[in-house]
Amino acid sequence: MARRMTKVREQVLGLLKQHHLLSASQILTHLVPVFPTVNKTTVYRSLEFMVQTGLICQHQFGLKEAVFE
């Protein structure tokens, strides 16, 4: 897995700074207008990278989709 800050990852961080708690599907919805070729896999890999490096936190509330901040 690449260990650099891509434009998509930078955009994800910007979204989380603005909206605080977002799910992967919500992030994807925000990214598609800016990056039309982005897909669900890219979002999940970006989120995984940022959780592992401590840039963001992941929360799971009950059975709902995980959210990130």
C-alpha atoms as a PDB file:
ATOM      1  CA  MET A   1       0.000   0.000   0.000  1.00  0.00           C
ATOM      2  CA  ALA A   2       1.302   3.449  -0.873  1.00  0.00           C
ATOM      3  CA  ARG A   3       2.384   5.524   2.110  1.00  0.00           C
ATOM      4  CA  ARG A   4       1.934   9.022   0.735  1.00  0.00           C
ATOM      5  CA  MET A   5      -0.723  11.692   0.921  1.00  0.00           C
ATOM      6  CA  THR A   6      -2.548  11.568  -2.380  1.00  0.00           C
ATOM      7  CA  LYS A   7      -4.985  14.217  -3.562  1.00  0.00           C
ATOM      8  CA  VAL A   8      -7.882  11.931  -2.624  1.00  0.00           C
ATOM      9  CA  ARG A   9      -6.515  11.469   0.907  1.00  0.00           C
ATOM     10  CA  GLU A  10      -6.032  15.212   1.268  1.00  0.00           C
ATOM     11  CA  GLN A  11      -9.630  15.741   0.176  1.00  0.00           C
ATOM     12  CA  VAL A  12     -10.864  13.124   2.681  1.00  0.00           C
ATOM     13  CA  LEU A  13      -9.012  14.897   5.498  1.00  0.00           C
ATOM     14  CA  GLY A  14     -10.534  18.205   4.410  1.00  0.00           C
ATOM     15  CA  LEU A  15     -14.028  16.687   4.438  1.00  0.00           C
ATOM     16  CA  LEU A  16     -13.517  15.267   7.919  1.00  0.00           C
ATOM     17  CA  LYS A  17     -12.310  18.642   9.190  1.00  0.00           C
ATOM     18  CA  GLN A  18     -15.490  20.256   7.851  1.00  0.00           C
ATOM     19  CA  HIS A  19     -18.044  17.584   8.760  1.00  0.00           C
ATOM     20  CA  HIS A  20     -16.303  15.719  11.633  1.00  0.00           C
ATOM     21  CA  LEU A  21     -18.203  12.393  11.561  1.00  0.00           C
ATOM     22  CA  LEU A  22     -18.694  10.811   8.142  1.00  0.00           C
ATOM     23  CA  SER A  23     -19.128   7.241   6.947  1.00  0.00           C
ATOM     24  CA  ALA A  24     -17.202   5.837   3.992  1.00  0.00           C
ATOM     25  CA  SER A  25     -20.310   6.047   1.808  1.00  0.00           C
ATOM     26  CA  GLN A  26     -20.860   9.689   2.766  1.00  0.00           C
ATOM     27  CA  ILE A  27     -17.227  10.459   1.962  1.00  0.00           C
ATOM     28  CA  LEU A  28     -17.587   8.744  -1.408  1.00  0.00           C
ATOM     29  CA  THR A  29     -20.668  10.863  -2.174  1.00  0.00           C
ATOM     30  CA  HIS A  30     -18.642  14.034  -1.493  1.00  0.00           C
ATOM     31  CA  LEU A  31     -15.626  12.860  -3.506  1.00  0.00           C
ATOM     32  CA  VAL A  32     -17.312  11.757  -6.743  1.00  0.00           C
ATOM     33  CA  PRO A  33     -18.028  15.319  -8.006  1.00  0.00           C
ATOM     34  CA  VAL A  34     -14.345  16.218  -7.500  1.00  0.00           C
ATOM     35  CA  PHE A  35     -12.823  12.853  -8.488  1.00  0.00           C
ATOM     36  CA  PRO A  36     -15.293  11.125 -10.858  1.00  0.00           C
ATOM     37  CA  THR A  37     -13.198   7.952 -11.108  1.00  0.00           C
ATOM     38  CA  VAL A  38     -12.872   7.402  -7.343  1.00  0.00           C
ATOM     39  CA  ASN A  39     -14.539   4.241  -6.057  1.00  0.00           C
ATOM     40  CA  LYS A  40     -15.479   2.570  -2.786  1.00  0.00           C
ATOM     41  CA  THR A  41     -12.218   0.601  -2.635  1.00  0.00           C
ATOM     42  CA  THR A  42     -10.132   3.766  -2.906  1.00  0.00           C
ATOM     43  CA  VAL A  43     -12.098   5.388  -0.087  1.00  0.00           C
ATOM     44  CA  TYR A  44     -11.745   2.370   2.216  1.00  0.00           C
ATOM     45  CA  ARG A  45      -8.015   2.063   1.524  1.00  0.00           C
ATOM     46  CA  SER A  46      -7.516   5.772   2.154  1.00  0.00           C
ATOM     47  CA  LEU A  47      -9.439   5.582   5.423  1.00  0.00           C
ATOM     48  CA  GLU A  48      -7.511   2.481   6.512  1.00  0.00           C
ATOM     49  CA  PHE A  49      -4.198   4.228   5.793  1.00  0.00           C
ATOM     50  CA  MET A  50      -5.210   7.319   7.760  1.00  0.00           C
ATOM     51  CA  VAL A  51      -6.480   5.292  10.745  1.00  0.00           C
ATOM     52  CA  GLN A  52      -3.242   3.253  10.825  1.00  0.00           C
ATOM     53  CA  THR A  53      -1.090   6.374  10.700  1.00  0.00           C
ATOM     54  CA  GLY A  54      -3.119   8.139  13.396  1.00  0.00           C
ATOM     55  CA  LEU A  55      -4.421  10.923  11.175  1.00  0.00           C
ATOM     56  CA  ILE A  56      -8.082  10.041  11.844  1.00  0.00           C
ATOM     57  CA  CYS A  57     -10.137   7.953  14.256  1.00  0.00           C
ATOM     58  CA  GLN A  58     -12.714   5.299  13.454  1.00  0.00           C
ATOM     59  CA  HIS A  59     -15.864   4.831  15.558  1.00  0.00           C
ATOM     60  CA  GLN A  60     -18.458   2.085  15.457  1.00  0.00           C
ATOM     61  CA  PHE A  61     -21.806   2.944  17.070  1.00  0.00           C
ATOM     62  CA  GLY A  62     -23.941  -0.178  17.348  1.00  0.00           C
ATOM     63  CA  LEU A  63     -24.659  -1.996  14.109  1.00  0.00           C
ATOM     64  CA  LYS A  64     -24.425   1.116  11.955  1.00  0.00           C
ATOM     65  CA  GLU A  65     -21.689   1.775   9.409  1.00  0.00           C
ATOM     66  CA  ALA A  66     -18.401   2.941  10.952  1.00  0.00           C
ATOM     67  CA  VAL A  67     -17.815   6.688  10.984  1.00  0.00           C
ATOM     68  CA  PHE A  68     -14.541   8.568  10.857  1.00  0.00           C
ATOM     69  CA  GLU A  69     -13.296  11.826  12.326  1.00  0.00           C
END
